[in-house]
Amino acid sequence: MGSTVCELSRIMFLLQDFGLTVHTPVPFLCDNQAALHIVANPVFHERTKHLEIDCHIVRDKFKAGLIAPAHVPSKEQLADIFKIFGCTFFFVVVVQVGLD
């Protein structure tokens, strides 16, 4: 999540340099509910054994209003189209993408 948020902020600054308007907060979809709880709740991270710097970066960007993290189940992610979920899931994704 940390590298994605850093890349997102870099792209947003680049677009602003080109004079384009960037609407914030940017929806940030994630299938890891534990990571979303750590970002949203500052006390929750105290129960984790190891907290990486990525969590701090994501939390800072969330507090600044740059991203709006939300949960999306793994089966509904279009990025996982090549994983084997079954034939019916593939056809649902084809319809969602508009390739029907």
N, C-alpha and C. Protein backbone atom coordinates (compact mmCIF):
# COMPACT_ATOMS: atom_id res chain seq x y z
N MET A 1 0.81 -1.19 0.00
CA MET A 1 0.00 0.00 0.00
C MET A 1 0.86 1.25 0.00
N GLY A 2 1.96 1.20 0.71
CA GLY A 2 2.81 2.38 0.82
C GLY A 2 3.39 2.82 -0.52
N SER A 3 3.88 1.86 -1.29
CA SER A 3 4.47 2.22 -2.59
C SER A 3 3.40 2.73 -3.55
N THR A 4 2.20 2.17 -3.47
CA THR A 4 1.11 2.64 -4.33
C THR A 4 0.70 4.06 -3.97
N VAL A 5 0.63 4.36 -2.69
CA VAL A 5 0.27 5.72 -2.26
C VAL A 5 1.35 6.71 -2.66
N CYS A 6 2.61 6.33 -2.54
CA CYS A 6 3.70 7.22 -2.96
C CYS A 6 3.64 7.48 -4.46
N GLU A 7 3.37 6.44 -5.23
CA GLU A 7 3.25 6.59 -6.68
C GLU A 7 2.04 7.45 -7.03
N LEU A 8 0.96 7.27 -6.31
CA LEU A 8 -0.24 8.07 -6.54
C LEU A 8 0.01 9.55 -6.26
N SER A 9 0.69 9.85 -5.17
CA SER A 9 0.98 11.25 -4.86
C SER A 9 1.94 11.85 -5.88
N ARG A 10 2.88 11.05 -6.37
CA ARG A 10 3.80 11.55 -7.40
C ARG A 10 3.04 11.88 -8.68
N ILE A 11 2.12 11.01 -9.08
CA ILE A 11 1.33 11.25 -10.29
C ILE A 11 0.43 12.47 -10.10
N MET A 12 -0.13 12.63 -8.91
CA MET A 12 -0.98 13.79 -8.67
C MET A 12 -0.19 15.09 -8.77
N PHE A 13 1.01 15.12 -8.20
CA PHE A 13 1.84 16.32 -8.31
C PHE A 13 2.23 16.59 -9.76
N LEU A 14 2.49 15.54 -10.52
CA LEU A 14 2.83 15.69 -11.93
C LEU A 14 1.66 16.26 -12.72
N LEU A 15 0.45 15.76 -12.46
CA LEU A 15 -0.74 16.28 -13.12
C LEU A 15 -0.99 17.74 -12.75
N GLN A 16 -0.74 18.10 -11.50
CA GLN A 16 -0.91 19.49 -11.08
C GLN A 16 0.12 20.39 -11.75
N ASP A 17 1.33 19.87 -11.98
CA ASP A 17 2.34 20.65 -12.69
C ASP A 17 1.92 20.93 -14.14
N PHE A 18 1.15 20.00 -14.71
CA PHE A 18 0.64 20.19 -16.07
C PHE A 18 -0.59 21.08 -16.10
N GLY A 19 -1.06 21.51 -14.94
CA GLY A 19 -2.20 22.40 -14.87
C GLY A 19 -3.54 21.70 -14.81
N LEU A 20 -3.54 20.40 -14.57
CA LEU A 20 -4.79 19.66 -14.49
C LEU A 20 -5.30 19.64 -13.05
N THR A 21 -6.60 19.63 -12.91
CA THR A 21 -7.21 19.59 -11.59
C THR A 21 -7.36 18.14 -11.14
N VAL A 22 -6.90 17.88 -9.94
CA VAL A 22 -7.00 16.53 -9.36
C VAL A 22 -8.00 16.60 -8.22
N HIS A 23 -9.03 15.78 -8.32
CA HIS A 23 -10.07 15.75 -7.29
C HIS A 23 -9.64 14.80 -6.18
N THR A 24 -9.61 15.30 -4.96
CA THR A 24 -9.25 14.48 -3.82
C THR A 24 -10.44 14.38 -2.89
N PRO A 25 -10.58 13.36 -2.13
CA PRO A 25 -9.68 12.23 -1.99
C PRO A 25 -9.88 11.22 -3.12
N VAL A 26 -8.80 10.58 -3.48
CA VAL A 26 -8.81 9.56 -4.52
C VAL A 26 -9.24 8.24 -3.90
N PRO A 27 -10.21 7.55 -4.49
CA PRO A 27 -10.62 6.24 -3.94
C PRO A 27 -9.44 5.27 -3.99
N PHE A 28 -9.19 4.62 -2.89
CA PHE A 28 -8.07 3.69 -2.78
C PHE A 28 -8.62 2.35 -2.30
N LEU A 29 -8.78 1.41 -3.22
CA LEU A 29 -9.41 0.13 -2.91
C LEU A 29 -8.36 -0.89 -2.47
N CYS A 30 -8.69 -1.62 -1.43
CA CYS A 30 -7.77 -2.59 -0.86
C CYS A 30 -8.56 -3.79 -0.34
N ASP A 31 -8.01 -4.99 -0.50
CA ASP A 31 -8.71 -6.17 -0.01
C ASP A 31 -8.19 -6.62 1.36
N ASN A 32 -7.26 -5.90 1.94
CA ASN A 32 -6.70 -6.26 3.24
C ASN A 32 -7.37 -5.41 4.32
N GLN A 33 -8.31 -6.01 5.04
CA GLN A 33 -9.05 -5.26 6.05
C GLN A 33 -8.17 -4.84 7.22
N ALA A 34 -7.18 -5.64 7.57
CA ALA A 34 -6.29 -5.27 8.67
C ALA A 34 -5.51 -4.00 8.34
N ALA A 35 -5.04 -3.89 7.11
CA ALA A 35 -4.31 -2.69 6.71
C ALA A 35 -5.22 -1.47 6.74
N LEU A 36 -6.47 -1.64 6.35
CA LEU A 36 -7.41 -0.51 6.39
C LEU A 36 -7.69 -0.08 7.82
N HIS A 37 -7.77 -1.03 8.75
CA HIS A 37 -7.99 -0.68 10.15
C HIS A 37 -6.79 0.06 10.73
N ILE A 38 -5.59 -0.35 10.34
CA ILE A 38 -4.38 0.33 10.83
C ILE A 38 -4.35 1.77 10.32
N VAL A 39 -4.75 1.98 9.07
CA VAL A 39 -4.76 3.33 8.50
C VAL A 39 -5.80 4.20 9.19
N ALA A 40 -6.98 3.66 9.45
CA ALA A 40 -8.07 4.46 9.99
C ALA A 40 -7.98 4.67 11.50
N ASN A 41 -7.41 3.72 12.22
CA ASN A 41 -7.42 3.78 13.68
C ASN A 41 -5.99 3.86 14.20
N PRO A 42 -5.59 4.97 14.80
CA PRO A 42 -4.20 5.11 15.25
C PRO A 42 -3.84 4.19 16.41
N VAL A 43 -4.81 3.68 17.14
CA VAL A 43 -4.52 2.81 18.27
C VAL A 43 -4.35 1.37 17.83
N PHE A 44 -4.98 0.99 16.73
CA PHE A 44 -4.97 -0.39 16.27
C PHE A 44 -3.57 -0.90 15.98
N HIS A 45 -2.67 -0.01 15.50
CA HIS A 45 -1.33 -0.46 15.12
C HIS A 45 -0.49 -0.86 16.34
N GLU A 46 -0.90 -0.46 17.54
CA GLU A 46 -0.12 -0.83 18.73
C GLU A 46 -0.22 -2.32 19.02
N ARG A 47 -1.25 -2.98 18.48
CA ARG A 47 -1.41 -4.41 18.70
C ARG A 47 -0.65 -5.25 17.68
N THR A 48 -0.12 -4.63 16.66
CA THR A 48 0.64 -5.38 15.66
C THR A 48 2.09 -5.52 16.13
N LYS A 49 2.70 -6.63 15.77
CA LYS A 49 4.06 -6.90 16.25
C LYS A 49 5.08 -6.01 15.54
N HIS A 50 4.95 -5.90 14.23
CA HIS A 50 5.90 -5.11 13.45
C HIS A 50 5.10 -4.11 12.62
N LEU A 51 5.44 -2.85 12.74
CA LEU A 51 4.77 -1.82 11.97
C LEU A 51 5.80 -1.17 11.06
N GLU A 52 5.58 -1.32 9.77
CA GLU A 52 6.53 -0.79 8.81
C GLU A 52 6.26 0.69 8.56
N ILE A 53 7.22 1.34 7.94
CA ILE A 53 7.11 2.76 7.63
C ILE A 53 5.99 3.01 6.62
N ASP A 54 5.65 1.99 5.82
CA ASP A 54 4.58 2.13 4.84
C ASP A 54 3.27 2.53 5.50
N CYS A 55 2.99 1.95 6.65
CA CYS A 55 1.73 2.26 7.34
C CYS A 55 1.68 3.72 7.75
N HIS A 56 2.81 4.27 8.15
CA HIS A 56 2.85 5.69 8.52
C HIS A 56 2.63 6.58 7.31
N ILE A 57 3.21 6.21 6.19
CA ILE A 57 3.04 7.01 4.96
C ILE A 57 1.58 7.00 4.53
N VAL A 58 0.97 5.83 4.52
CA VAL A 58 -0.43 5.72 4.11
C VAL A 58 -1.32 6.48 5.07
N ARG A 59 -1.04 6.37 6.36
CA ARG A 59 -1.85 7.07 7.37
C ARG A 59 -1.73 8.58 7.20
N ASP A 60 -0.53 9.09 6.94
CA ASP A 60 -0.34 10.52 6.75
C ASP A 60 -1.11 11.03 5.53
N LYS A 61 -1.08 10.27 4.44
CA LYS A 61 -1.81 10.67 3.23
C LYS A 61 -3.32 10.61 3.45
N PHE A 62 -3.77 9.65 4.26
CA PHE A 62 -5.19 9.55 4.60
C PHE A 62 -5.63 10.75 5.43
N LYS A 63 -4.82 11.11 6.42
CA LYS A 63 -5.14 12.25 7.28
C LYS A 63 -5.10 13.56 6.50
N ALA A 64 -4.24 13.64 5.48
CA ALA A 64 -4.14 14.85 4.66
C ALA A 64 -5.29 14.96 3.66
N GLY A 65 -6.08 13.90 3.51
CA GLY A 65 -7.21 13.93 2.59
C GLY A 65 -6.86 13.57 1.17
N LEU A 66 -5.71 12.96 0.96
CA LEU A 66 -5.29 12.58 -0.39
C LEU A 66 -6.00 11.32 -0.87
N ILE A 67 -6.20 10.34 0.02
CA ILE A 67 -6.82 9.08 -0.36
C ILE A 67 -8.03 8.79 0.51
N ALA A 68 -8.93 7.98 -0.03
CA ALA A 68 -10.10 7.51 0.71
C ALA A 68 -10.09 5.98 0.63
N PRO A 69 -9.44 5.33 1.60
CA PRO A 69 -9.35 3.87 1.53
C PRO A 69 -10.71 3.22 1.73
N ALA A 70 -10.94 2.15 0.97
CA ALA A 70 -12.19 1.40 1.07
C ALA A 70 -11.89 -0.08 0.82
N HIS A 71 -12.70 -0.93 1.41
CA HIS A 71 -12.51 -2.37 1.25
C HIS A 71 -13.25 -2.86 0.01
N VAL A 72 -12.59 -3.72 -0.73
CA VAL A 72 -13.21 -4.42 -1.85
C VAL A 72 -12.84 -5.89 -1.71
N PRO A 73 -13.82 -6.79 -1.75
CA PRO A 73 -13.50 -8.21 -1.64
C PRO A 73 -12.61 -8.67 -2.78
N SER A 74 -11.78 -9.66 -2.52
CA SER A 74 -10.83 -10.15 -3.52
C SER A 74 -11.53 -10.61 -4.79
N LYS A 75 -12.70 -11.21 -4.65
CA LYS A 75 -13.39 -11.74 -5.83
C LYS A 75 -13.96 -10.63 -6.72
N GLU A 76 -14.05 -9.43 -6.21
CA GLU A 76 -14.60 -8.32 -7.00
C GLU A 76 -13.51 -7.43 -7.59
N GLN A 77 -12.26 -7.76 -7.38
CA GLN A 77 -11.18 -6.94 -7.91
C GLN A 77 -10.93 -7.29 -9.37
N LEU A 78 -10.97 -6.28 -10.22
CA LEU A 78 -10.70 -6.51 -11.63
C LEU A 78 -9.23 -6.81 -11.89
N ALA A 79 -8.36 -6.46 -10.96
CA ALA A 79 -6.94 -6.75 -11.12
C ALA A 79 -6.65 -8.24 -11.03
N ASP A 80 -7.55 -9.00 -10.39
CA ASP A 80 -7.36 -10.44 -10.23
C ASP A 80 -8.05 -11.25 -11.32
N ILE A 81 -8.17 -10.70 -12.50
CA ILE A 81 -8.91 -11.36 -13.57
C ILE A 81 -8.25 -12.67 -14.01
N PHE A 82 -6.95 -12.77 -13.87
CA PHE A 82 -6.25 -13.96 -14.35
C PHE A 82 -6.14 -15.07 -13.31
N LYS A 83 -6.61 -14.82 -12.12
CA LYS A 83 -6.64 -15.89 -11.13
C LYS A 83 -7.83 -16.79 -11.41
N ILE A 84 -7.73 -18.00 -11.01
CA ILE A 84 -8.79 -18.95 -11.29
C ILE A 84 -9.87 -18.85 -10.22
N PHE A 85 -10.99 -18.21 -10.58
CA PHE A 85 -12.14 -18.13 -9.70
C PHE A 85 -13.31 -18.93 -10.24
N GLY A 86 -13.16 -19.46 -11.41
CA GLY A 86 -14.25 -20.19 -12.03
C GLY A 86 -14.75 -19.46 -13.26
N CYS A 87 -15.47 -20.19 -14.06
CA CYS A 87 -15.94 -19.68 -15.34
C CYS A 87 -16.98 -18.58 -15.16
N THR A 88 -17.87 -18.70 -14.19
CA THR A 88 -18.91 -17.69 -14.02
C THR A 88 -18.33 -16.35 -13.60
N PHE A 89 -17.29 -16.37 -12.76
CA PHE A 89 -16.67 -15.12 -12.35
C PHE A 89 -16.04 -14.42 -13.55
N PHE A 90 -15.41 -15.20 -14.44
CA PHE A 90 -14.79 -14.61 -15.62
C PHE A 90 -15.82 -13.89 -16.48
N PHE A 91 -16.98 -14.47 -16.65
CA PHE A 91 -18.01 -13.83 -17.46
C PHE A 91 -18.58 -12.59 -16.78
N VAL A 92 -18.65 -12.58 -15.45
CA VAL A 92 -19.09 -11.39 -14.73
C VAL A 92 -18.10 -10.25 -14.95
N VAL A 93 -16.82 -10.55 -14.91
CA VAL A 93 -15.79 -9.53 -15.12
C VAL A 93 -15.83 -9.03 -16.56
N VAL A 94 -16.06 -9.92 -17.52
CA VAL A 94 -16.15 -9.52 -18.92
C VAL A 94 -17.28 -8.52 -19.10
N VAL A 95 -18.40 -8.76 -18.45
CA VAL A 95 -19.54 -7.83 -18.53
C VAL A 95 -19.20 -6.51 -17.85
N GLN A 96 -18.52 -6.55 -16.69
CA GLN A 96 -18.16 -5.33 -15.97
C GLN A 96 -17.21 -4.46 -16.79
N VAL A 97 -16.29 -5.09 -17.47
CA VAL A 97 -15.33 -4.34 -18.27
C VAL A 97 -15.96 -3.83 -19.55
N GLY A 98 -17.04 -4.46 -19.98
CA GLY A 98 -17.74 -4.02 -21.19
C GLY A 98 -17.28 -4.73 -22.44
N LEU A 99 -16.78 -5.94 -22.30
CA LEU A 99 -16.30 -6.69 -23.45
C LEU A 99 -17.32 -7.70 -23.96
N ASP A 100 -18.56 -7.62 -23.49
CA ASP A 100 -19.54 -8.63 -23.88
C ASP A 100 -20.08 -8.42 -25.26
